[in-house]
């Protein structure tokens, strides 16, 4: 998960556009969207393999976050 996210950040640091997808060797998808898709796939795979009900916890987190003020940590 971490390595895929790092790969997305490296694409950004290398000047690739946020929505840019390109192909290596005519087949392999590359770019920030592709790397972020890999992050999600790995997270789903990890959760599925460890019986984590990701949908349930996401809904709980979203419900809780609705009770918090905007920029609750005063972050810019």
PDB file of N, CA and C in Angstrom:
ATOM      1  N   UNK A   1       0.834  -1.184   0.000  1.00  0.00           N
ATOM      2  CA  UNK A   1       0.000   0.000   0.000  1.00  0.00           C
ATOM      3  C   UNK A   1       0.879   1.247   0.000  1.00  0.00           C
ATOM      4  N   UNK A   2       1.829   1.257   0.901  1.00  0.00           N
ATOM      5  CA  UNK A   2       2.716   2.417   1.021  1.00  0.00           C
ATOM      6  C   UNK A   2       3.553   2.591  -0.246  1.00  0.00           C
ATOM      7  N   UNK A   3       4.073   1.494  -0.763  1.00  0.00           N
ATOM      8  CA  UNK A   3       4.933   1.601  -1.949  1.00  0.00           C
ATOM      9  C   UNK A   3       4.159   2.128  -3.155  1.00  0.00           C
ATOM     10  N   UNK A   4       2.912   1.712  -3.284  1.00  0.00           N
ATOM     11  CA  UNK A   4       2.100   2.200  -4.408  1.00  0.00           C
ATOM     12  C   UNK A   4       1.813   3.690  -4.254  1.00  0.00           C
ATOM     13  N   UNK A   5       1.543   4.130  -3.035  1.00  0.00           N
ATOM     14  CA  UNK A   5       1.305   5.550  -2.794  1.00  0.00           C
ATOM     15  C   UNK A   5       2.576   6.357  -3.074  1.00  0.00           C
ATOM     16  N   UNK A   6       3.721   5.789  -2.690  1.00  0.00           N
ATOM     17  CA  UNK A   6       5.002   6.448  -2.981  1.00  0.00           C
ATOM     18  C   UNK A   6       5.237   6.545  -4.479  1.00  0.00           C
ATOM     19  N   UNK A   7       4.844   5.518  -5.221  1.00  0.00           N
ATOM     20  CA  UNK A   7       4.994   5.553  -6.675  1.00  0.00           C
ATOM     21  C   UNK A   7       4.119   6.656  -7.275  1.00  0.00           C
ATOM     22  N   UNK A   8       2.926   6.848  -6.742  1.00  0.00           N
ATOM     23  CA  UNK A   8       2.062   7.934  -7.223  1.00  0.00           C
ATOM     24  C   UNK A   8       2.721   9.282  -6.954  1.00  0.00           C
ATOM     25  N   UNK A   9       3.301   9.427  -5.775  1.00  0.00           N
ATOM     26  CA  UNK A   9       3.964  10.690  -5.431  1.00  0.00           C
ATOM     27  C   UNK A   9       5.183  10.915  -6.323  1.00  0.00           C
ATOM     28  N   UNK A  10       5.912   9.869  -6.639  1.00  0.00           N
ATOM     29  CA  UNK A  10       7.069  10.001  -7.539  1.00  0.00           C
ATOM     30  C   UNK A  10       6.629  10.463  -8.923  1.00  0.00           C
ATOM     31  N   UNK A  11       5.507   9.957  -9.401  1.00  0.00           N
ATOM     32  CA  UNK A  11       4.984  10.409 -10.695  1.00  0.00           C
ATOM     33  C   UNK A  11       4.707  11.918 -10.634  1.00  0.00           C
ATOM     34  N   UNK A  12       4.119  12.361  -9.527  1.00  0.00           N
ATOM     35  CA  UNK A  12       3.834  13.785  -9.341  1.00  0.00           C
ATOM     36  C   UNK A  12       5.129  14.591  -9.318  1.00  0.00           C
ATOM     37  N   UNK A  13       6.120  14.103  -8.568  1.00  0.00           N
ATOM     38  CA  UNK A  13       7.403  14.805  -8.471  1.00  0.00           C
ATOM     39  C   UNK A  13       8.122  14.838  -9.812  1.00  0.00           C
ATOM     40  N   UNK A  14       7.846  13.863 -10.659  1.00  0.00           N
ATOM     41  CA  UNK A  14       8.457  13.825 -11.989  1.00  0.00           C
ATOM     42  C   UNK A  14       7.682  14.644 -13.013  1.00  0.00           C
ATOM     43  N   UNK A  15       6.682  15.382 -12.541  1.00  0.00           N
ATOM     44  CA  UNK A  15       5.971  16.305 -13.424  1.00  0.00           C
ATOM     45  C   UNK A  15       4.793  15.729 -14.179  1.00  0.00           C
ATOM     46  N   UNK A  16       4.372  14.533 -13.844  1.00  0.00           N
ATOM     47  CA  UNK A  16       3.211  13.949 -14.521  1.00  0.00           C
ATOM     48  C   UNK A  16       1.943  14.650 -14.046  1.00  0.00           C
ATOM     49  N   UNK A  17       0.993  14.808 -14.951  1.00  0.00           N
ATOM     50  CA  UNK A  17      -0.268  15.457 -14.602  1.00  0.00           C
ATOM     51  C   UNK A  17      -1.125  14.578 -13.715  1.00  0.00           C
ATOM     52  N   UNK A  18      -1.937  15.208 -12.904  1.00  0.00           N
ATOM     53  CA  UNK A  18      -2.799  14.482 -11.962  1.00  0.00           C
ATOM     54  C   UNK A  18      -3.673  13.462 -12.680  1.00  0.00           C
ATOM     55  N   UNK A  19      -4.166  13.786 -13.848  1.00  0.00           N
ATOM     56  CA  UNK A  19      -5.044  12.879 -14.591  1.00  0.00           C
ATOM     57  C   UNK A  19      -4.352  12.214 -15.774  1.00  0.00           C
ATOM     58  N   UNK A  20      -3.040  12.301 -15.816  1.00  0.00           N
ATOM     59  CA  UNK A  20      -2.297  11.757 -16.952  1.00  0.00           C
ATOM     60  C   UNK A  20      -2.059  10.255 -16.797  1.00  0.00           C
ATOM     61  N   UNK A  21      -2.456   9.519 -17.816  1.00  0.00           N
ATOM     62  CA  UNK A  21      -2.167   8.088 -17.882  1.00  0.00           C
ATOM     63  C   UNK A  21      -1.345   7.860 -19.134  1.00  0.00           C
ATOM     64  N   UNK A  22      -0.293   7.099 -19.002  1.00  0.00           N
ATOM     65  CA  UNK A  22       0.524   6.745 -20.163  1.00  0.00           C
ATOM     66  C   UNK A  22       0.847   5.258 -20.070  1.00  0.00           C
ATOM     67  N   UNK A  23       1.411   4.750 -21.138  1.00  0.00           N
ATOM     68  CA  UNK A  23       1.593   3.305 -21.230  1.00  0.00           C
ATOM     69  C   UNK A  23       3.040   2.969 -21.543  1.00  0.00           C
ATOM     70  N   UNK A  24       3.587   2.018 -20.786  1.00  0.00           N
ATOM     71  CA  UNK A  24       4.933   1.507 -21.049  1.00  0.00           C
ATOM     72  C   UNK A  24       4.797   0.187 -21.777  1.00  0.00           C
ATOM     73  N   UNK A  25       5.646  -0.008 -22.743  1.00  0.00           N
ATOM     74  CA  UNK A  25       5.649  -1.246 -23.527  1.00  0.00           C
ATOM     75  C   UNK A  25       4.293  -1.503 -24.172  1.00  0.00           C
ATOM     76  N   UNK A  26       3.535  -0.429 -24.391  1.00  0.00           N
ATOM     77  CA  UNK A  26       2.259  -0.546 -25.080  1.00  0.00           C
ATOM     78  C   UNK A  26       1.127  -1.123 -24.260  1.00  0.00           C
ATOM     79  N   UNK A  27       1.394  -1.594 -23.041  1.00  0.00           N
ATOM     80  CA  UNK A  27       0.351  -2.259 -22.260  1.00  0.00           C
ATOM     81  C   UNK A  27       0.232  -1.744 -20.836  1.00  0.00           C
ATOM     82  N   UNK A  28       1.347  -1.657 -20.126  1.00  0.00           N
ATOM     83  CA  UNK A  28       1.323  -1.328 -18.700  1.00  0.00           C
ATOM     84  C   UNK A  28       0.890   0.113 -18.485  1.00  0.00           C
ATOM     85  N   UNK A  29      -0.215   0.286 -17.728  1.00  0.00           N
ATOM     86  CA  UNK A  29      -0.681   1.640 -17.431  1.00  0.00           C
ATOM     87  C   UNK A  29       0.202   2.258 -16.365  1.00  0.00           C
ATOM     88  N   UNK A  30       0.530   3.519 -16.571  1.00  0.00           N
ATOM     89  CA  UNK A  30       1.382   4.252 -15.643  1.00  0.00           C
ATOM     90  C   UNK A  30       0.763   5.614 -15.403  1.00  0.00           C
ATOM     91  N   UNK A  31       1.218   6.269 -14.357  1.00  0.00           N
ATOM     92  CA  UNK A  31       0.742   7.599 -14.017  1.00  0.00           C
ATOM     93  C   UNK A  31       0.078   7.604 -12.658  1.00  0.00           C
ATOM     94  N   UNK A  32      -0.235   8.794 -12.190  1.00  0.00           N
ATOM     95  CA  UNK A  32      -0.821   8.960 -10.868  1.00  0.00           C
ATOM     96  C   UNK A  32      -2.136   8.190 -10.726  1.00  0.00           C
ATOM     97  N   UNK A  33      -3.086   8.296 -11.672  1.00  0.00           N
ATOM     98  CA  UNK A  33      -4.330   7.534 -11.510  1.00  0.00           C
ATOM     99  C   UNK A  33      -4.102   6.031 -11.412  1.00  0.00           C
ATOM    100  N   UNK A  34      -3.183   5.526 -12.197  1.00  0.00           N
ATOM    101  CA  UNK A  34      -2.883   4.099 -12.180  1.00  0.00           C
ATOM    102  C   UNK A  34      -2.295   3.670 -10.834  1.00  0.00           C
ATOM    103  N   UNK A  35      -1.384   4.469 -10.306  1.00  0.00           N
ATOM    104  CA  UNK A  35      -0.775   4.134  -9.018  1.00  0.00           C
ATOM    105  C   UNK A  35      -1.790   4.230  -7.881  1.00  0.00           C
ATOM    106  N   UNK A  36      -2.680   5.227  -7.946  1.00  0.00           N
ATOM    107  CA  UNK A  36      -3.718   5.329  -6.917  1.00  0.00           C
ATOM    108  C   UNK A  36      -4.687   4.156  -6.995  1.00  0.00           C
ATOM    109  N   UNK A  37      -4.969   3.687  -8.204  1.00  0.00           N
ATOM    110  CA  UNK A  37      -5.800   2.490  -8.354  1.00  0.00           C
ATOM    111  C   UNK A  37      -5.110   1.300  -7.687  1.00  0.00           C
ATOM    112  N   UNK A  38      -3.804   1.192  -7.851  1.00  0.00           N
ATOM    113  CA  UNK A  38      -3.058   0.113  -7.192  1.00  0.00           C
ATOM    114  C   UNK A  38      -3.157   0.208  -5.671  1.00  0.00           C
ATOM    115  N   UNK A  39      -3.138   1.437  -5.129  1.00  0.00           N
ATOM    116  CA  UNK A  39      -3.278   1.624  -3.678  1.00  0.00           C
ATOM    117  C   UNK A  39      -4.615   1.044  -3.220  1.00  0.00           C
ATOM    118  N   UNK A  40      -5.680   1.419  -3.912  1.00  0.00           N
ATOM    119  CA  UNK A  40      -7.018   0.966  -3.536  1.00  0.00           C
ATOM    120  C   UNK A  40      -7.133  -0.555  -3.659  1.00  0.00           C
ATOM    121  N   UNK A  41      -6.602  -1.107  -4.734  1.00  0.00           N
ATOM    122  CA  UNK A  41      -6.643  -2.565  -4.930  1.00  0.00           C
ATOM    123  C   UNK A  41      -5.928  -3.267  -3.782  1.00  0.00           C
ATOM    124  N   UNK A  42      -4.764  -2.775  -3.399  1.00  0.00           N
ATOM    125  CA  UNK A  42      -4.019  -3.407  -2.295  1.00  0.00           C
ATOM    126  C   UNK A  42      -4.752  -3.270  -0.965  1.00  0.00           C
ATOM    127  N   UNK A  43      -5.366  -2.125  -0.731  1.00  0.00           N
ATOM    128  CA  UNK A  43      -6.131  -1.947   0.506  1.00  0.00           C
ATOM    129  C   UNK A  43      -7.313  -2.920   0.541  1.00  0.00           C
ATOM    130  N   UNK A  44      -8.052  -3.006  -0.556  1.00  0.00           N
ATOM    131  CA  UNK A  44      -9.184  -3.942  -0.604  1.00  0.00           C
ATOM    132  C   UNK A  44      -8.717  -5.376  -0.414  1.00  0.00           C
ATOM    133  N   UNK A  45      -7.608  -5.735  -1.047  1.00  0.00           N
ATOM    134  CA  UNK A  45      -7.080  -7.087  -0.918  1.00  0.00           C
ATOM    135  C   UNK A  45      -6.689  -7.383   0.534  1.00  0.00           C
ATOM    136  N   UNK A  46      -6.012  -6.435   1.173  1.00  0.00           N
ATOM    137  CA  UNK A  46      -5.593  -6.603   2.566  1.00  0.00           C
ATOM    138  C   UNK A  46      -6.810  -6.758   3.476  1.00  0.00           C
ATOM    139  N   UNK A  47      -7.789  -5.879   3.285  1.00  0.00           N
ATOM    140  CA  UNK A  47      -8.985  -5.934   4.128  1.00  0.00           C
ATOM    141  C   UNK A  47      -9.756  -7.231   3.912  1.00  0.00           C
ATOM    142  N   UNK A  48      -9.889  -7.639   2.661  1.00  0.00           N
ATOM    143  CA  UNK A  48     -10.583  -8.891   2.366  1.00  0.00           C
ATOM    144  C   UNK A  48      -9.882 -10.089   2.982  1.00  0.00           C
ATOM    145  N   UNK A  49      -8.560 -10.096   2.909  1.00  0.00           N
ATOM    146  CA  UNK A  49      -7.791 -11.214   3.455  1.00  0.00           C
ATOM    147  C   UNK A  49      -7.739 -11.250   4.965  1.00  0.00           C
ATOM    148  N   UNK A  50      -8.094 -10.137   5.597  1.00  0.00           N
ATOM    149  CA  UNK A  50      -8.050 -10.063   7.056  1.00  0.00           C
ATOM    150  C   UNK A  50      -9.425  -9.808   7.675  1.00  0.00           C
ATOM    151  N   UNK A  51     -10.457 -10.043   6.889  1.00  0.00           N
ATOM    152  CA  UNK A  51     -11.843  -9.918   7.359  1.00  0.00           C
ATOM    153  C   UNK A  51     -12.145  -8.552   7.982  1.00  0.00           C
ATOM    154  N   UNK A  52     -11.623  -7.501   7.382  1.00  0.00           N
ATOM    155  CA  UNK A  52     -11.915  -6.145   7.826  1.00  0.00           C
ATOM    156  C   UNK A  52     -13.098  -5.643   7.006  1.00  0.00           C
ATOM    157  N   UNK A  53     -14.153  -5.240   7.693  1.00  0.00           N
ATOM    158  CA  UNK A  53     -15.335  -4.719   7.016  1.00  0.00           C
ATOM    159  C   UNK A  53     -15.094  -3.248   6.696  1.00  0.00           C
ATOM    160  N   UNK A  54     -14.417  -3.009   5.604  1.00  0.00           N
ATOM    161  CA  UNK A  54     -14.013  -1.660   5.232  1.00  0.00           C
ATOM    162  C   UNK A  54     -15.209  -0.751   4.979  1.00  0.00           C
ATOM    163  N   UNK A  55     -16.230  -1.271   4.320  1.00  0.00           N
ATOM    164  CA  UNK A  55     -17.414  -0.457   4.054  1.00  0.00           C
ATOM    165  C   UNK A  55     -18.025   0.036   5.364  1.00  0.00           C
ATOM    166  N   UNK A  56     -18.139  -0.837   6.343  1.00  0.00           N
ATOM    167  CA  UNK A  56     -18.734  -0.468   7.633  1.00  0.00           C
ATOM    168  C   UNK A  56     -17.929   0.633   8.312  1.00  0.00           C
ATOM    169  N   UNK A  57     -16.631   0.492   8.376  1.00  0.00           N
ATOM    170  CA  UNK A  57     -15.819   1.479   9.076  1.00  0.00           C
ATOM    171  C   UNK A  57     -15.764   2.801   8.313  1.00  0.00           C
ATOM    172  N   UNK A  58     -15.781   2.752   6.993  1.00  0.00           N
ATOM    173  CA  UNK A  58     -15.825   3.999   6.213  1.00  0.00           C
ATOM    174  C   UNK A  58     -17.105   4.768   6.526  1.00  0.00           C
ATOM    175  N   UNK A  59     -18.225   4.070   6.547  1.00  0.00           N
ATOM    176  CA  UNK A  59     -19.501   4.722   6.855  1.00  0.00           C
ATOM    177  C   UNK A  59     -19.492   5.294   8.274  1.00  0.00           C
ATOM    178  N   UNK A  60     -18.930   4.542   9.231  1.00  0.00           N
ATOM    179  CA  UNK A  60     -18.823   5.045  10.605  1.00  0.00           C
ATOM    180  C   UNK A  60     -17.950   6.297  10.664  1.00  0.00           C
ATOM    181  N   UNK A  61     -16.812   6.271   9.977  1.00  0.00           N
ATOM    182  CA  UNK A  61     -15.912   7.425   9.968  1.00  0.00           C
ATOM    183  C   UNK A  61     -16.574   8.639   9.329  1.00  0.00           C
ATOM    184  N   UNK A  62     -17.286   8.431   8.233  1.00  0.00           N
ATOM    185  CA  UNK A  62     -17.949   9.538   7.556  1.00  0.00           C
ATOM    186  C   UNK A  62     -19.024  10.152   8.456  1.00  0.00           C
ATOM    187  N   UNK A  63     -19.765   9.294   9.149  1.00  0.00           N
ATOM    188  CA  UNK A  63     -20.791   9.781  10.068  1.00  0.00           C
ATOM    189  C   UNK A  63     -20.156  10.588  11.201  1.00  0.00           C
ATOM    190  N   UNK A  64     -19.081  10.071  11.770  1.00  0.00           N
ATOM    191  CA  UNK A  64     -18.380  10.789  12.838  1.00  0.00           C
ATOM    192  C   UNK A  64     -17.820  12.121  12.329  1.00  0.00           C
ATOM    193  N   UNK A  65     -17.190  12.100  11.163  1.00  0.00           N
ATOM    194  CA  UNK A  65     -16.583  13.321  10.619  1.00  0.00           C
ATOM    195  C   UNK A  65     -17.602  14.422  10.368  1.00  0.00           C
ATOM    196  N   UNK A  66     -18.851  14.047  10.116  1.00  0.00           N
ATOM    197  CA  UNK A  66     -19.899  15.053   9.929  1.00  0.00           C
ATOM    198  C   UNK A  66     -20.157  15.849  11.208  1.00  0.00           C
ATOM    199  N   UNK A  67     -19.776  15.307  12.361  1.00  0.00           N
ATOM    200  CA  UNK A  67     -19.991  16.001  13.638  1.00  0.00           C
ATOM    201  C   UNK A  67     -18.855  16.954  13.966  1.00  0.00           C
ATOM    202  N   UNK A  68     -17.798  16.913  13.202  1.00  0.00           N
ATOM    203  CA  UNK A  68     -16.628  17.733  13.485  1.00  0.00           C
ATOM    204  C   UNK A  68     -16.688  19.034  12.697  1.00  0.00           C
ATOM    205  N   UNK A  69     -16.177  20.101  13.284  1.00  0.00           N
ATOM    206  CA  UNK A  69     -16.169  21.369  12.548  1.00  0.00           C
ATOM    207  C   UNK A  69     -15.194  21.316  11.370  1.00  0.00           C
ATOM    208  N   UNK A  70     -15.469  22.143  10.375  1.00  0.00           N
ATOM    209  CA  UNK A  70     -14.588  22.248   9.214  1.00  0.00           C
ATOM    210  C   UNK A  70     -13.200  22.651   9.671  1.00  0.00           C
ATOM    211  N   UNK A  71     -12.193  21.975   9.148  1.00  0.00           N
ATOM    212  CA  UNK A  71     -10.788  22.240   9.522  1.00  0.00           C
ATOM    213  C   UNK A  71     -10.624  22.202  11.045  1.00  0.00           C
ATOM    214  N   UNK A  72     -11.118  21.128  11.641  1.00  0.00           N
ATOM    215  CA  UNK A  72     -11.103  20.994  13.094  1.00  0.00           C
ATOM    216  C   UNK A  72      -9.709  21.077  13.688  1.00  0.00           C
ATOM    217  N   UNK A  73      -8.694  20.715  12.924  1.00  0.00           N
ATOM    218  CA  UNK A  73      -7.317  20.785  13.416  1.00  0.00           C
ATOM    219  C   UNK A  73      -6.639  22.095  13.072  1.00  0.00           C
ATOM    220  N   UNK A  74      -7.417  23.038  12.538  1.00  0.00           N
ATOM    221  CA  UNK A  74      -6.915  24.354  12.117  1.00  0.00           C
ATOM    222  C   UNK A  74      -5.791  24.234  11.088  1.00  0.00           C
ATOM    223  N   UNK A  75      -5.833  23.178  10.294  1.00  0.00           N
ATOM    224  CA  UNK A  75      -4.812  22.974   9.265  1.00  0.00           C
ATOM    225  C   UNK A  75      -5.185  23.770   8.022  1.00  0.00           C
ATOM    226  N   UNK A  76      -4.174  24.302   7.363  1.00  0.00           N
ATOM    227  CA  UNK A  76      -4.401  25.068   6.139  1.00  0.00           C
ATOM    228  C   UNK A  76      -4.391  24.150   4.948  1.00  0.00           C
TER     229      UNK A  76
END
